[in-house]
PDB file of N, CA and C in Angstrom:
ATOM      1  N   UNK A   1       0.812  -1.206   0.000  1.00  0.00           N
ATOM      2  CA  UNK A   1       0.000   0.000   0.000  1.00  0.00           C
ATOM      3  C   UNK A   1       0.853   1.266   0.000  1.00  0.00           C
ATOM      4  N   UNK A   2       2.061   1.231   0.502  1.00  0.00           N
ATOM      5  CA  UNK A   2       2.820   2.477   0.639  1.00  0.00           C
ATOM      6  C   UNK A   2       3.023   3.199  -0.688  1.00  0.00           C
ATOM      7  N   UNK A   3       3.201   2.454  -1.776  1.00  0.00           N
ATOM      8  CA  UNK A   3       3.408   3.095  -3.075  1.00  0.00           C
ATOM      9  C   UNK A   3       2.144   3.736  -3.613  1.00  0.00           C
ATOM     10  N   UNK A   4       0.992   3.195  -3.247  1.00  0.00           N
ATOM     11  CA  UNK A   4      -0.266   3.766  -3.734  1.00  0.00           C
ATOM     12  C   UNK A   4      -0.438   5.177  -3.198  1.00  0.00           C
ATOM     13  N   UNK A   5      -0.319   5.336  -1.912  1.00  0.00           N
ATOM     14  CA  UNK A   5      -0.631   6.623  -1.322  1.00  0.00           C
ATOM     15  C   UNK A   5       0.498   7.633  -1.463  1.00  0.00           C
ATOM     16  N   UNK A   6       1.669   7.216  -1.899  1.00  0.00           N
ATOM     17  CA  UNK A   6       2.702   8.187  -2.237  1.00  0.00           C
ATOM     18  C   UNK A   6       2.299   8.955  -3.492  1.00  0.00           C
ATOM     19  N   UNK A   7       1.491   8.370  -4.327  1.00  0.00           N
ATOM     20  CA  UNK A   7       1.093   8.990  -5.596  1.00  0.00           C
ATOM     21  C   UNK A   7      -0.342   9.506  -5.589  1.00  0.00           C
ATOM     22  N   UNK A   8      -1.151   9.116  -4.620  1.00  0.00           N
ATOM     23  CA  UNK A   8      -2.556   9.518  -4.558  1.00  0.00           C
ATOM     24  C   UNK A   8      -2.770  10.391  -3.326  1.00  0.00           C
ATOM     25  N   UNK A   9      -3.452  11.522  -3.545  1.00  0.00           N
ATOM     26  CA  UNK A   9      -3.714  12.445  -2.433  1.00  0.00           C
ATOM     27  C   UNK A   9      -5.200  12.776  -2.370  1.00  0.00           C
ATOM     28  N   UNK A  10      -5.664  13.048  -1.170  1.00  0.00           N
ATOM     29  CA  UNK A  10      -7.032  13.532  -0.974  1.00  0.00           C
ATOM     30  C   UNK A  10      -6.924  14.806  -0.148  1.00  0.00           C
ATOM     31  N   UNK A  11      -7.318  15.906  -0.770  1.00  0.00           N
ATOM     32  CA  UNK A  11      -7.251  17.223  -0.130  1.00  0.00           C
ATOM     33  C   UNK A  11      -8.554  17.945  -0.439  1.00  0.00           C
ATOM     34  N   UNK A  12      -9.283  18.319   0.600  1.00  0.00           N
ATOM     35  CA  UNK A  12     -10.586  18.963   0.392  1.00  0.00           C
ATOM     36  C   UNK A  12     -10.493  20.248  -0.420  1.00  0.00           C
ATOM     37  N   UNK A  13      -9.303  20.833  -0.527  1.00  0.00           N
ATOM     38  CA  UNK A  13      -9.122  22.074  -1.273  1.00  0.00           C
ATOM     39  C   UNK A  13      -8.772  21.834  -2.747  1.00  0.00           C
ATOM     40  N   UNK A  14      -8.572  20.585  -3.117  1.00  0.00           N
ATOM     41  CA  UNK A  14      -8.196  20.248  -4.489  1.00  0.00           C
ATOM     42  C   UNK A  14      -9.262  19.331  -5.083  1.00  0.00           C
ATOM     43  N   UNK A  15      -9.825  19.731  -6.205  1.00  0.00           N
ATOM     44  CA  UNK A  15     -10.833  18.924  -6.924  1.00  0.00           C
ATOM     45  C   UNK A  15     -11.971  18.485  -6.008  1.00  0.00           C
ATOM     46  N   UNK A  16     -12.426  19.382  -5.158  1.00  0.00           N
ATOM     47  CA  UNK A  16     -13.550  19.113  -4.250  1.00  0.00           C
ATOM     48  C   UNK A  16     -13.341  17.891  -3.367  1.00  0.00           C
ATOM     49  N   UNK A  17     -12.094  17.610  -3.020  1.00  0.00           N
ATOM     50  CA  UNK A  17     -11.794  16.509  -2.115  1.00  0.00           C
ATOM     51  C   UNK A  17     -11.734  15.143  -2.769  1.00  0.00           C
ATOM     52  N   UNK A  18     -11.834  15.088  -4.088  1.00  0.00           N
ATOM     53  CA  UNK A  18     -11.718  13.801  -4.774  1.00  0.00           C
ATOM     54  C   UNK A  18     -10.267  13.346  -4.756  1.00  0.00           C
ATOM     55  N   UNK A  19     -10.030  12.039  -4.747  1.00  0.00           N
ATOM     56  CA  UNK A  19      -8.647  11.557  -4.828  1.00  0.00           C
ATOM     57  C   UNK A  19      -8.012  12.024  -6.143  1.00  0.00           C
ATOM     58  N   UNK A  20      -6.801  12.547  -6.043  1.00  0.00           N
ATOM     59  CA  UNK A  20      -6.066  13.035  -7.210  1.00  0.00           C
ATOM     60  C   UNK A  20      -4.669  12.442  -7.217  1.00  0.00           C
ATOM     61  N   UNK A  21      -4.012  12.570  -8.344  1.00  0.00           N
ATOM     62  CA  UNK A  21      -2.622  12.169  -8.425  1.00  0.00           C
ATOM     63  C   UNK A  21      -1.812  13.236  -7.705  1.00  0.00           C
ATOM     64  N   UNK A  22      -0.970  12.804  -6.786  1.00  0.00           N
ATOM     65  CA  UNK A  22      -0.189  13.688  -5.916  1.00  0.00           C
ATOM     66  C   UNK A  22       0.482  14.811  -6.707  1.00  0.00           C
ATOM     67  N   UNK A  23       0.232  16.051  -6.294  1.00  0.00           N
ATOM     68  CA  UNK A  23       0.882  17.203  -6.899  1.00  0.00           C
ATOM     69  C   UNK A  23       0.291  17.639  -8.228  1.00  0.00           C
ATOM     70  N   UNK A  24      -0.797  16.975  -8.640  1.00  0.00           N
ATOM     71  CA  UNK A  24      -1.427  17.310  -9.913  1.00  0.00           C
ATOM     72  C   UNK A  24      -2.926  17.438  -9.686  1.00  0.00           C
ATOM     73  N   UNK A  25      -3.578  18.230 -10.467  1.00  0.00           N
ATOM     74  CA  UNK A  25      -5.024  18.400 -10.340  1.00  0.00           C
ATOM     75  C   UNK A  25      -5.752  17.467 -11.313  1.00  0.00           C
ATOM     76  N   UNK A  26      -5.353  16.216 -11.303  1.00  0.00           N
ATOM     77  CA  UNK A  26      -5.972  15.207 -12.159  1.00  0.00           C
ATOM     78  C   UNK A  26      -6.588  14.160 -11.244  1.00  0.00           C
ATOM     79  N   UNK A  27      -7.909  14.015 -11.335  1.00  0.00           N
ATOM     80  CA  UNK A  27      -8.627  13.093 -10.455  1.00  0.00           C
ATOM     81  C   UNK A  27      -8.387  11.639 -10.857  1.00  0.00           C
ATOM     82  N   UNK A  28      -8.281  10.788  -9.855  1.00  0.00           N
ATOM     83  CA  UNK A  28      -8.171   9.345 -10.078  1.00  0.00           C
ATOM     84  C   UNK A  28      -9.363   8.884 -10.909  1.00  0.00           C
ATOM     85  N   UNK A  29     -10.530   9.402 -10.621  1.00  0.00           N
ATOM     86  CA  UNK A  29     -11.744   9.037 -11.352  1.00  0.00           C
ATOM     87  C   UNK A  29     -11.578   9.300 -12.841  1.00  0.00           C
ATOM     88  N   UNK A  30     -10.978  10.417 -13.214  1.00  0.00           N
ATOM     89  CA  UNK A  30     -10.774  10.738 -14.640  1.00  0.00           C
ATOM     90  C   UNK A  30      -9.913   9.682 -15.317  1.00  0.00           C
ATOM     91  N   UNK A  31      -8.835   9.301 -14.658  1.00  0.00           N
ATOM     92  CA  UNK A  31      -7.937   8.290 -15.233  1.00  0.00           C
ATOM     93  C   UNK A  31      -8.677   6.969 -15.391  1.00  0.00           C
ATOM     94  N   UNK A  32      -9.438   6.578 -14.374  1.00  0.00           N
ATOM     95  CA  UNK A  32     -10.187   5.323 -14.444  1.00  0.00           C
ATOM     96  C   UNK A  32     -11.243   5.369 -15.548  1.00  0.00           C
ATOM     97  N   UNK A  33     -11.867   6.513 -15.743  1.00  0.00           N
ATOM     98  CA  UNK A  33     -12.857   6.654 -16.811  1.00  0.00           C
ATOM     99  C   UNK A  33     -12.205   6.533 -18.185  1.00  0.00           C
ATOM    100  N   UNK A  34     -11.018   7.116 -18.354  1.00  0.00           N
ATOM    101  CA  UNK A  34     -10.292   6.978 -19.627  1.00  0.00           C
ATOM    102  C   UNK A  34      -9.977   5.502 -19.890  1.00  0.00           C
ATOM    103  N   UNK A  35      -9.503   4.818 -18.864  1.00  0.00           N
ATOM    104  CA  UNK A  35      -9.182   3.398 -19.014  1.00  0.00           C
ATOM    105  C   UNK A  35     -10.431   2.582 -19.343  1.00  0.00           C
ATOM    106  N   UNK A  36     -11.533   2.885 -18.664  1.00  0.00           N
ATOM    107  CA  UNK A  36     -12.787   2.171 -18.900  1.00  0.00           C
ATOM    108  C   UNK A  36     -13.311   2.411 -20.318  1.00  0.00           C
ATOM    109  N   UNK A  37     -13.003   3.581 -20.877  1.00  0.00           N
ATOM    110  CA  UNK A  37     -13.436   3.904 -22.237  1.00  0.00           C
ATOM    111  C   UNK A  37     -12.546   3.248 -23.288  1.00  0.00           C
ATOM    112  N   UNK A  38     -11.491   2.581 -22.832  1.00  0.00           N
ATOM    113  CA  UNK A  38     -10.630   1.868 -23.765  1.00  0.00           C
ATOM    114  C   UNK A  38      -9.303   2.539 -24.068  1.00  0.00           C
ATOM    115  N   UNK A  39      -9.052   3.698 -23.469  1.00  0.00           N
ATOM    116  CA  UNK A  39      -7.763   4.363 -23.670  1.00  0.00           C
ATOM    117  C   UNK A  39      -6.659   3.563 -22.987  1.00  0.00           C
ATOM    118  N   UNK A  40      -5.514   3.487 -23.600  1.00  0.00           N
ATOM    119  CA  UNK A  40      -4.369   2.810 -22.982  1.00  0.00           C
ATOM    120  C   UNK A  40      -3.636   3.797 -22.082  1.00  0.00           C
ATOM    121  N   UNK A  41      -2.793   3.267 -21.213  1.00  0.00           N
ATOM    122  CA  UNK A  41      -1.975   4.131 -20.355  1.00  0.00           C
ATOM    123  C   UNK A  41      -1.114   5.055 -21.215  1.00  0.00           C
ATOM    124  N   UNK A  42      -0.596   4.524 -22.323  1.00  0.00           N
ATOM    125  CA  UNK A  42       0.250   5.332 -23.206  1.00  0.00           C
ATOM    126  C   UNK A  42      -0.539   6.484 -23.830  1.00  0.00           C
ATOM    127  N   UNK A  43      -1.804   6.242 -24.188  1.00  0.00           N
ATOM    128  CA  UNK A  43      -2.638   7.302 -24.757  1.00  0.00           C
ATOM    129  C   UNK A  43      -2.919   8.392 -23.715  1.00  0.00           C
ATOM    130  N   UNK A  44      -3.179   7.969 -22.488  1.00  0.00           N
ATOM    131  CA  UNK A  44      -3.448   8.935 -21.419  1.00  0.00           C
ATOM    132  C   UNK A  44      -2.210   9.792 -21.175  1.00  0.00           C
ATOM    133  N   UNK A  45      -1.058   9.157 -21.109  1.00  0.00           N
ATOM    134  CA  UNK A  45       0.191   9.892 -20.875  1.00  0.00           C
ATOM    135  C   UNK A  45       0.484  10.841 -22.044  1.00  0.00           C
ATOM    136  N   UNK A  46       0.166  10.424 -23.249  1.00  0.00           N
ATOM    137  CA  UNK A  46       0.367  11.293 -24.416  1.00  0.00           C
ATOM    138  C   UNK A  46      -0.490  12.549 -24.296  1.00  0.00           C
ATOM    139  N   UNK A  47      -1.743  12.389 -23.817  1.00  0.00           N
ATOM    140  CA  UNK A  47      -2.647  13.531 -23.658  1.00  0.00           C
ATOM    141  C   UNK A  47      -2.364  14.342 -22.397  1.00  0.00           C
ATOM    142  N   UNK A  48      -1.741  13.732 -21.421  1.00  0.00           N
ATOM    143  CA  UNK A  48      -1.381  14.395 -20.157  1.00  0.00           C
ATOM    144  C   UNK A  48       0.093  14.120 -19.879  1.00  0.00           C
ATOM    145  N   UNK A  49       0.993  14.802 -20.578  1.00  0.00           N
ATOM    146  CA  UNK A  49       2.425  14.495 -20.454  1.00  0.00           C
ATOM    147  C   UNK A  49       3.007  14.723 -19.058  1.00  0.00           C
ATOM    148  N   UNK A  50       2.245  15.354 -18.183  1.00  0.00           N
ATOM    149  CA  UNK A  50       2.695  15.542 -16.804  1.00  0.00           C
ATOM    150  C   UNK A  50       2.653  14.211 -16.031  1.00  0.00           C
ATOM    151  N   UNK A  51       1.909  13.228 -16.565  1.00  0.00           N
ATOM    152  CA  UNK A  51       1.779  11.925 -15.915  1.00  0.00           C
ATOM    153  C   UNK A  51       2.883  10.969 -16.343  1.00  0.00           C
ATOM    154  N   UNK A  52       3.116   9.974 -15.495  1.00  0.00           N
ATOM    155  CA  UNK A  52       4.023   8.873 -15.817  1.00  0.00           C
ATOM    156  C   UNK A  52       3.246   7.572 -15.606  1.00  0.00           C
ATOM    157  N   UNK A  53       3.772   6.480 -16.117  1.00  0.00           N
ATOM    158  CA  UNK A  53       3.085   5.193 -16.043  1.00  0.00           C
ATOM    159  C   UNK A  53       2.740   4.809 -14.604  1.00  0.00           C
ATOM    160  N   UNK A  54       3.610   5.131 -13.669  1.00  0.00           N
ATOM    161  CA  UNK A  54       3.362   4.787 -12.262  1.00  0.00           C
ATOM    162  C   UNK A  54       2.121   5.502 -11.713  1.00  0.00           C
ATOM    163  N   UNK A  55       1.795   6.671 -12.247  1.00  0.00           N
ATOM    164  CA  UNK A  55       0.577   7.377 -11.827  1.00  0.00           C
ATOM    165  C   UNK A  55      -0.662   6.592 -12.229  1.00  0.00           C
ATOM    166  N   UNK A  56      -0.655   6.062 -13.447  1.00  0.00           N
ATOM    167  CA  UNK A  56      -1.790   5.281 -13.936  1.00  0.00           C
ATOM    168  C   UNK A  56      -1.945   4.013 -13.103  1.00  0.00           C
ATOM    169  N   UNK A  57      -0.843   3.342 -12.854  1.00  0.00           N
ATOM    170  CA  UNK A  57      -0.857   2.127 -12.037  1.00  0.00           C
ATOM    171  C   UNK A  57      -1.370   2.416 -10.631  1.00  0.00           C
ATOM    172  N   UNK A  58      -0.963   3.537 -10.060  1.00  0.00           N
ATOM    173  CA  UNK A  58      -1.409   3.906  -8.714  1.00  0.00           C
ATOM    174  C   UNK A  58      -2.916   4.122  -8.680  1.00  0.00           C
ATOM    175  N   UNK A  59      -3.487   4.687  -9.743  1.00  0.00           N
ATOM    176  CA  UNK A  59      -4.934   4.881  -9.807  1.00  0.00           C
ATOM    177  C   UNK A  59      -5.659   3.545  -9.794  1.00  0.00           C
ATOM    178  N   UNK A  60      -5.155   2.597 -10.560  1.00  0.00           N
ATOM    179  CA  UNK A  60      -5.770   1.271 -10.616  1.00  0.00           C
ATOM    180  C   UNK A  60      -5.653   0.581  -9.256  1.00  0.00           C
ATOM    181  N   UNK A  61      -4.490   0.660  -8.640  1.00  0.00           N
ATOM    182  CA  UNK A  61      -4.297   0.036  -7.326  1.00  0.00           C
ATOM    183  C   UNK A  61      -5.180   0.690  -6.271  1.00  0.00           C
ATOM    184  N   UNK A  62      -5.339   2.004  -6.351  1.00  0.00           N
ATOM    185  CA  UNK A  62      -6.191   2.718  -5.409  1.00  0.00           C
ATOM    186  C   UNK A  62      -7.636   2.229  -5.538  1.00  0.00           C
ATOM    187  N   UNK A  63      -8.125   2.116  -6.765  1.00  0.00           N
ATOM    188  CA  UNK A  63      -9.491   1.629  -6.995  1.00  0.00           C
ATOM    189  C   UNK A  63      -9.639   0.194  -6.507  1.00  0.00           C
ATOM    190  N   UNK A  64      -8.641  -0.627  -6.762  1.00  0.00           N
ATOM    191  CA  UNK A  64      -8.687  -2.016  -6.307  1.00  0.00           C
ATOM    192  C   UNK A  64      -8.740  -2.081  -4.787  1.00  0.00           C
ATOM    193  N   UNK A  65      -7.996  -1.236  -4.133  1.00  0.00           N
ATOM    194  CA  UNK A  65      -8.000  -1.209  -2.663  1.00  0.00           C
ATOM    195  C   UNK A  65      -9.375  -0.798  -2.133  1.00  0.00           C
ATOM    196  N   UNK A  66     -10.034   0.145  -2.795  1.00  0.00           N
ATOM    197  CA  UNK A  66     -11.382   0.535  -2.381  1.00  0.00           C
ATOM    198  C   UNK A  66     -12.355  -0.628  -2.523  1.00  0.00           C
ATOM    199  N   UNK A  67     -12.181  -1.434  -3.546  1.00  0.00           N
ATOM    200  CA  UNK A  67     -13.062  -2.572  -3.773  1.00  0.00           C
ATOM    201  C   UNK A  67     -12.775  -3.716  -2.805  1.00  0.00           C
ATOM    202  N   UNK A  68     -11.701  -3.624  -2.063  1.00  0.00           N
ATOM    203  CA  UNK A  68     -11.330  -4.638  -1.096  1.00  0.00           C
ATOM    204  C   UNK A  68     -12.105  -4.477   0.220  1.00  0.00           C
ATOM    205  N   UNK A  69     -12.954  -3.480   0.300  1.00  0.00           N
ATOM    206  CA  UNK A  69     -13.753  -3.217   1.503  1.00  0.00           C
ATOM    207  C   UNK A  69     -15.101  -3.915   1.393  1.00  0.00           C
ATOM    208  N   UNK A  70     -15.778  -4.066   2.503  1.00  0.00           N
ATOM    209  CA  UNK A  70     -17.134  -4.610   2.526  1.00  0.00           C
ATOM    210  C   UNK A  70     -18.127  -3.460   2.496  1.00  0.00           C
ATOM    211  N   UNK A  71     -19.173  -3.608   1.711  1.00  0.00           N
ATOM    212  CA  UNK A  71     -20.194  -2.576   1.585  1.00  0.00           C
ATOM    213  C   UNK A  71     -21.556  -3.194   1.850  1.00  0.00           C
ATOM    214  N   UNK A  72     -22.434  -2.405   2.443  1.00  0.00           N
ATOM    215  CA  UNK A  72     -23.810  -2.817   2.690  1.00  0.00           C
ATOM    216  C   UNK A  72     -24.737  -1.818   2.032  1.00  0.00           C
ATOM    217  N   UNK A  73     -25.672  -2.319   1.231  1.00  0.00           N
ATOM    218  CA  UNK A  73     -26.639  -1.452   0.573  1.00  0.00           C
ATOM    219  C   UNK A  73     -27.885  -1.450   1.435  1.00  0.00           C
ATOM    220  N   UNK A  74     -28.284  -0.258   1.850  1.00  0.00           N
ATOM    221  CA  UNK A  74     -29.473  -0.124   2.679  1.00  0.00           C
ATOM    222  C   UNK A  74     -30.546   0.631   1.921  1.00  0.00           C
ATOM    223  N   UNK A  75     -31.767   0.250   2.163  1.00  0.00           N
ATOM    224  CA  UNK A  75     -32.911   0.917   1.552  1.00  0.00           C
ATOM    225  C   UNK A  75     -33.139   2.245   2.239  1.00  0.00           C
ATOM    226  N   UNK A  76     -33.377   3.290   1.451  1.00  0.00           N
ATOM    227  CA  UNK A  76     -33.622   4.616   2.010  1.00  0.00           C
ATOM    228  C   UNK A  76     -35.054   5.018   1.670  1.00  0.00           C
ATOM    229  N   UNK A  77     -35.769   5.487   2.668  1.00  0.00           N
ATOM    230  CA  UNK A  77     -37.128   6.035   2.492  1.00  0.00           C
ATOM    231  C   UNK A  77     -38.117   5.439   3.416  1.00  0.00           C
TER     232      UNK A  77
END
């Protein structure tokens, strides 16, 4: 886990508190959406040259870690 959070930051003053790539105003969610749309890591880096491959990997690991939790869906109303 130590490598994930070295590259991922959560700051309420940056991107409305969404997880971002450390030192950059690029949300983890944006990177994951690009990947889900079929963009490769190389395509993302080409469009955002401030990123490196390790940033993309950290986003994926961060999402995987979130999915490692237990969730309960409750009915509201």
